[in-house]
N, C-alpha and C. Protein backbone atom coordinates (compact mmCIF):
# COMPACT_ATOMS: atom_id res chain seq x y z
N MET A 1 -9.50 17.05 6.61
CA MET A 1 -9.42 16.51 5.28
C MET A 1 -10.15 17.39 4.28
N CYS A 2 -11.21 18.06 4.71
CA CYS A 2 -11.95 18.92 3.80
C CYS A 2 -11.11 20.09 3.30
N VAL A 3 -10.12 20.52 4.12
CA VAL A 3 -9.24 21.61 3.70
C VAL A 3 -8.28 21.10 2.62
N ILE A 4 -7.77 19.90 2.82
CA ILE A 4 -6.83 19.33 1.86
C ILE A 4 -7.54 18.93 0.57
N SER A 5 -8.70 18.29 0.71
CA SER A 5 -9.45 17.82 -0.45
C SER A 5 -10.92 18.20 -0.27
N PRO A 6 -11.37 19.23 -0.95
CA PRO A 6 -12.76 19.68 -0.78
C PRO A 6 -13.80 18.61 -1.16
N ASN A 7 -13.41 17.65 -1.97
CA ASN A 7 -14.34 16.60 -2.38
C ASN A 7 -14.42 15.45 -1.36
N PHE A 8 -13.64 15.55 -0.30
CA PHE A 8 -13.62 14.49 0.70
C PHE A 8 -14.96 14.39 1.41
N LYS A 9 -15.43 13.15 1.58
CA LYS A 9 -16.68 12.93 2.27
C LYS A 9 -16.42 12.03 3.47
N ASN A 10 -16.80 12.51 4.64
CA ASN A 10 -16.62 11.70 5.84
C ASN A 10 -17.49 10.45 5.77
N ILE A 11 -16.93 9.36 6.25
CA ILE A 11 -17.66 8.09 6.31
C ILE A 11 -17.80 7.72 7.77
N SER A 12 -18.99 7.37 8.18
CA SER A 12 -19.22 7.07 9.59
C SER A 12 -18.62 5.72 9.97
N ARG A 13 -18.44 5.54 11.26
CA ARG A 13 -17.92 4.29 11.80
C ARG A 13 -18.86 3.14 11.46
N GLN A 14 -20.15 3.40 11.51
CA GLN A 14 -21.14 2.36 11.22
C GLN A 14 -21.06 1.93 9.75
N THR A 15 -20.90 2.89 8.86
CA THR A 15 -20.77 2.58 7.44
C THR A 15 -19.52 1.75 7.18
N THR A 16 -18.42 2.15 7.80
CA THR A 16 -17.17 1.41 7.64
C THR A 16 -17.32 -0.01 8.17
N THR A 17 -17.91 -0.15 9.35
CA THR A 17 -18.12 -1.48 9.92
C THR A 17 -18.97 -2.34 9.00
N ARG A 18 -20.06 -1.78 8.51
CA ARG A 18 -20.95 -2.52 7.61
C ARG A 18 -20.21 -2.96 6.35
N ASP A 19 -19.45 -2.05 5.74
CA ASP A 19 -18.74 -2.38 4.51
C ASP A 19 -17.67 -3.44 4.74
N VAL A 20 -16.96 -3.35 5.85
CA VAL A 20 -15.93 -4.35 6.16
C VAL A 20 -16.56 -5.72 6.38
N LEU A 21 -17.68 -5.78 7.08
CA LEU A 21 -18.35 -7.06 7.31
C LEU A 21 -18.89 -7.67 6.03
N ILE A 22 -19.41 -6.84 5.13
CA ILE A 22 -19.88 -7.33 3.82
C ILE A 22 -18.71 -7.90 3.03
N TYR A 23 -17.61 -7.17 3.00
CA TYR A 23 -16.41 -7.62 2.29
C TYR A 23 -15.90 -8.93 2.90
N TYR A 24 -15.87 -9.00 4.22
CA TYR A 24 -15.42 -10.22 4.91
C TYR A 24 -16.29 -11.42 4.52
N ALA A 25 -17.59 -11.24 4.50
CA ALA A 25 -18.51 -12.34 4.16
C ALA A 25 -18.26 -12.82 2.73
N LYS A 26 -18.06 -11.89 1.80
CA LYS A 26 -17.78 -12.27 0.41
C LYS A 26 -16.47 -13.04 0.30
N GLU A 27 -15.44 -12.54 0.96
CA GLU A 27 -14.14 -13.21 0.91
C GLU A 27 -14.19 -14.58 1.58
N LYS A 28 -14.93 -14.69 2.69
CA LYS A 28 -15.07 -15.97 3.38
C LYS A 28 -15.72 -17.00 2.46
N ASP A 29 -16.77 -16.58 1.75
CA ASP A 29 -17.43 -17.48 0.80
C ASP A 29 -16.50 -17.87 -0.33
N HIS A 30 -15.70 -16.91 -0.80
CA HIS A 30 -14.73 -17.18 -1.87
C HIS A 30 -13.70 -18.22 -1.41
N VAL A 31 -13.20 -18.08 -0.20
CA VAL A 31 -12.21 -19.03 0.33
C VAL A 31 -12.84 -20.42 0.49
N LYS A 32 -14.08 -20.48 0.97
CA LYS A 32 -14.76 -21.76 1.11
C LYS A 32 -14.89 -22.46 -0.24
N GLU A 33 -15.25 -21.71 -1.28
CA GLU A 33 -15.36 -22.29 -2.61
C GLU A 33 -14.02 -22.85 -3.09
N LYS A 34 -12.94 -22.11 -2.86
CA LYS A 34 -11.61 -22.56 -3.26
C LYS A 34 -11.22 -23.84 -2.53
N LEU A 35 -11.49 -23.88 -1.21
CA LEU A 35 -11.11 -25.05 -0.43
C LEU A 35 -11.91 -26.29 -0.83
N VAL A 36 -13.19 -26.10 -1.14
CA VAL A 36 -14.02 -27.23 -1.57
C VAL A 36 -13.51 -27.81 -2.88
N LYS A 37 -13.02 -26.95 -3.77
CA LYS A 37 -12.55 -27.38 -5.08
C LYS A 37 -11.11 -27.88 -5.07
N ALA A 38 -10.43 -27.81 -3.93
CA ALA A 38 -9.03 -28.25 -3.86
C ALA A 38 -8.96 -29.74 -4.20
N PRO A 39 -8.13 -30.12 -5.19
CA PRO A 39 -8.08 -31.52 -5.62
C PRO A 39 -7.23 -32.42 -4.73
N SER A 40 -6.61 -31.86 -3.72
CA SER A 40 -5.74 -32.67 -2.86
C SER A 40 -5.98 -32.32 -1.40
N LEU A 41 -5.19 -32.91 -0.54
CA LEU A 41 -5.28 -32.59 0.88
C LEU A 41 -4.88 -31.14 1.13
N ILE A 42 -5.38 -30.59 2.21
CA ILE A 42 -5.08 -29.22 2.57
C ILE A 42 -4.25 -29.23 3.85
N CYS A 43 -3.15 -28.52 3.84
CA CYS A 43 -2.28 -28.42 5.01
C CYS A 43 -2.45 -27.02 5.60
N LEU A 44 -2.83 -26.96 6.88
CA LEU A 44 -2.99 -25.68 7.56
C LEU A 44 -1.78 -25.43 8.45
N THR A 45 -1.23 -24.23 8.38
CA THR A 45 -0.17 -23.83 9.28
C THR A 45 -0.56 -22.51 9.93
N SER A 46 -0.05 -22.27 11.11
CA SER A 46 -0.34 -21.01 11.78
C SER A 46 0.95 -20.42 12.29
N ASP A 47 0.93 -19.14 12.46
CA ASP A 47 2.08 -18.42 12.99
C ASP A 47 1.55 -17.17 13.67
N ASN A 48 2.37 -16.57 14.48
CA ASN A 48 1.96 -15.31 15.10
C ASN A 48 3.09 -14.31 14.96
N TRP A 49 2.72 -13.07 15.04
CA TRP A 49 3.68 -11.98 14.91
C TRP A 49 3.24 -10.86 15.82
N ASN A 50 4.20 -10.26 16.47
CA ASN A 50 3.86 -9.11 17.30
C ASN A 50 4.88 -8.00 17.07
N SER A 51 4.40 -6.80 17.23
CA SER A 51 5.23 -5.62 17.05
C SER A 51 5.68 -5.15 18.43
N GLU A 52 6.98 -5.03 18.58
CA GLU A 52 7.51 -4.57 19.86
C GLU A 52 7.17 -3.10 20.11
N HIS A 53 6.97 -2.34 19.04
CA HIS A 53 6.79 -0.90 19.18
C HIS A 53 5.34 -0.50 19.44
N THR A 54 4.39 -1.27 18.92
CA THR A 54 2.99 -0.91 19.11
C THR A 54 2.23 -1.90 19.98
N ASN A 55 2.88 -2.99 20.35
CA ASN A 55 2.27 -4.06 21.14
C ASN A 55 1.08 -4.72 20.45
N ASP A 56 0.98 -4.57 19.12
CA ASP A 56 -0.05 -5.27 18.36
C ASP A 56 0.39 -6.71 18.15
N GLU A 57 -0.55 -7.63 18.24
CA GLU A 57 -0.25 -9.04 18.03
C GLU A 57 -1.19 -9.59 16.96
N TYR A 58 -0.64 -10.43 16.11
CA TYR A 58 -1.41 -11.01 15.02
C TYR A 58 -1.19 -12.51 15.00
N ILE A 59 -2.23 -13.26 14.69
CA ILE A 59 -2.12 -14.69 14.43
C ILE A 59 -2.77 -14.93 13.08
N PHE A 60 -2.13 -15.76 12.29
CA PHE A 60 -2.67 -16.00 10.97
C PHE A 60 -2.57 -17.47 10.63
N ILE A 61 -3.48 -17.92 9.80
CA ILE A 61 -3.54 -19.31 9.35
C ILE A 61 -3.34 -19.30 7.84
N THR A 62 -2.48 -20.19 7.38
CA THR A 62 -2.22 -20.31 5.96
C THR A 62 -2.60 -21.71 5.51
N ALA A 63 -3.32 -21.81 4.41
CA ALA A 63 -3.70 -23.10 3.84
C ALA A 63 -2.85 -23.36 2.61
N HIS A 64 -2.25 -24.54 2.53
CA HIS A 64 -1.45 -24.93 1.39
C HIS A 64 -2.10 -26.14 0.73
N TRP A 65 -2.21 -26.10 -0.58
CA TRP A 65 -2.62 -27.28 -1.32
C TRP A 65 -2.05 -27.17 -2.72
N VAL A 66 -2.01 -28.28 -3.39
CA VAL A 66 -1.47 -28.32 -4.75
C VAL A 66 -2.65 -28.43 -5.70
N ASP A 67 -2.71 -27.50 -6.65
CA ASP A 67 -3.76 -27.60 -7.66
C ASP A 67 -3.24 -28.43 -8.83
N LYS A 68 -4.11 -28.71 -9.78
CA LYS A 68 -3.75 -29.60 -10.88
C LYS A 68 -2.70 -29.02 -11.82
N ASP A 69 -2.48 -27.70 -11.82
CA ASP A 69 -1.54 -27.07 -12.74
C ASP A 69 -0.26 -26.58 -12.02
N SER A 70 0.00 -26.85 -10.77
CA SER A 70 1.12 -26.16 -10.10
C SER A 70 2.40 -26.95 -10.03
N LEU A 71 2.48 -28.21 -10.49
CA LEU A 71 3.72 -28.98 -10.41
C LEU A 71 4.53 -28.84 -11.70
N LEU A 72 5.73 -28.28 -11.57
CA LEU A 72 6.64 -28.17 -12.70
C LEU A 72 7.51 -29.42 -12.76
N TYR A 73 7.91 -29.81 -13.93
CA TYR A 73 8.79 -30.96 -14.14
C TYR A 73 8.25 -32.22 -13.45
N ASN A 74 6.93 -32.40 -13.52
CA ASN A 74 6.25 -33.56 -12.92
C ASN A 74 6.55 -33.72 -11.43
N GLY A 75 6.79 -32.63 -10.73
CA GLY A 75 6.98 -32.67 -9.29
C GLY A 75 8.39 -32.97 -8.84
N VAL A 76 9.35 -33.10 -9.77
CA VAL A 76 10.73 -33.43 -9.40
C VAL A 76 11.32 -32.36 -8.49
N LEU A 77 11.01 -31.10 -8.75
CA LEU A 77 11.56 -29.99 -7.96
C LEU A 77 10.56 -29.49 -6.92
N PHE A 78 9.66 -30.36 -6.49
CA PHE A 78 8.57 -29.94 -5.60
C PHE A 78 9.08 -29.74 -4.18
N GLN A 79 9.00 -28.51 -3.72
CA GLN A 79 9.33 -28.19 -2.34
C GLN A 79 8.47 -27.01 -1.94
N VAL A 80 7.72 -27.14 -0.87
CA VAL A 80 6.81 -26.08 -0.45
C VAL A 80 7.39 -25.40 0.77
N ARG A 81 7.49 -24.12 0.70
CA ARG A 81 7.89 -23.30 1.85
C ARG A 81 6.69 -22.45 2.24
N CYS A 82 6.53 -22.24 3.50
CA CYS A 82 5.43 -21.40 3.96
C CYS A 82 5.81 -19.94 3.67
N CYS A 83 5.13 -19.36 2.71
CA CYS A 83 5.44 -17.98 2.32
C CYS A 83 5.24 -17.01 3.48
N THR A 84 4.25 -17.31 4.31
CA THR A 84 4.00 -16.44 5.46
C THR A 84 5.17 -16.47 6.43
N HIS A 85 5.73 -17.65 6.65
CA HIS A 85 6.86 -17.77 7.56
C HIS A 85 8.08 -17.04 6.99
N ILE A 86 8.29 -17.18 5.69
CA ILE A 86 9.40 -16.48 5.05
C ILE A 86 9.21 -14.97 5.17
N LEU A 87 7.99 -14.50 4.91
CA LEU A 87 7.70 -13.07 5.06
C LEU A 87 7.92 -12.61 6.49
N HIS A 88 7.50 -13.44 7.46
CA HIS A 88 7.71 -13.13 8.87
C HIS A 88 9.20 -12.95 9.16
N LEU A 89 10.04 -13.86 8.65
CA LEU A 89 11.48 -13.76 8.88
C LEU A 89 12.07 -12.51 8.24
N ILE A 90 11.60 -12.17 7.05
CA ILE A 90 12.09 -10.97 6.37
C ILE A 90 11.72 -9.72 7.16
N VAL A 91 10.48 -9.63 7.62
CA VAL A 91 10.04 -8.47 8.40
C VAL A 91 10.81 -8.39 9.70
N LYS A 92 11.02 -9.53 10.36
CA LYS A 92 11.75 -9.56 11.62
C LYS A 92 13.16 -9.01 11.45
N VAL A 93 13.87 -9.46 10.42
CA VAL A 93 15.23 -8.97 10.17
C VAL A 93 15.20 -7.48 9.83
N GLY A 94 14.21 -7.08 9.01
CA GLY A 94 14.10 -5.66 8.66
C GLY A 94 13.87 -4.78 9.87
N LEU A 95 13.00 -5.25 10.78
CA LEU A 95 12.74 -4.47 11.99
C LEU A 95 13.95 -4.42 12.90
N GLU A 96 14.72 -5.52 12.94
CA GLU A 96 15.94 -5.51 13.75
C GLU A 96 16.94 -4.49 13.19
N LEU A 97 17.03 -4.40 11.87
CA LEU A 97 17.96 -3.45 11.25
C LEU A 97 17.53 -2.01 11.49
N ALA A 98 16.21 -1.78 11.54
CA ALA A 98 15.70 -0.43 11.71
C ALA A 98 15.34 -0.12 13.15
N ASP A 99 15.69 -0.99 14.07
CA ASP A 99 15.28 -0.85 15.46
C ASP A 99 15.73 0.48 16.08
N ASP A 100 16.98 0.87 15.81
CA ASP A 100 17.48 2.14 16.38
C ASP A 100 16.67 3.32 15.87
N VAL A 101 16.39 3.32 14.57
CA VAL A 101 15.67 4.44 13.98
C VAL A 101 14.23 4.46 14.48
N VAL A 102 13.56 3.30 14.50
CA VAL A 102 12.18 3.22 14.94
C VAL A 102 12.08 3.61 16.41
N GLY A 103 13.04 3.19 17.21
CA GLY A 103 13.04 3.54 18.63
C GLY A 103 13.14 5.04 18.86
N LYS A 104 13.88 5.73 18.00
CA LYS A 104 14.02 7.19 18.12
C LYS A 104 12.74 7.91 17.71
N ILE A 105 12.01 7.32 16.77
CA ILE A 105 10.78 7.95 16.31
C ILE A 105 9.72 7.81 17.38
C-alpha cells in the first residue's frame, strides 16, 4: 500500500479491534436508547443467510416498531414487510443469476 499511496499508514490488528469494539459499544447504547423510547410494542424477527461460495454464514435480528410519525392515511394502508427478508430474497435471486459467472471466478 505504501507504493500505491505514500501517505498510507498501517494500522495494527489491536488498534482495529479496539476501534471496532468502541464503535460497537456506542451503537449498542444508541439502539438501547431507541428501543426504550419506542412508543409501541417491538416485534423481533430473525433470519439467516449463507454464501455458497465462501461458506460464510450470517444470522441477523431485525426489530420492527411503529413510531408516532410513521402511519400514513391514519394507518389505512399499513402493511409491514421485513426489509431484511426482502433484501435476502433479492440477493438470493441475484446470486442465482450470477452463479455461473461466480463459479468460474
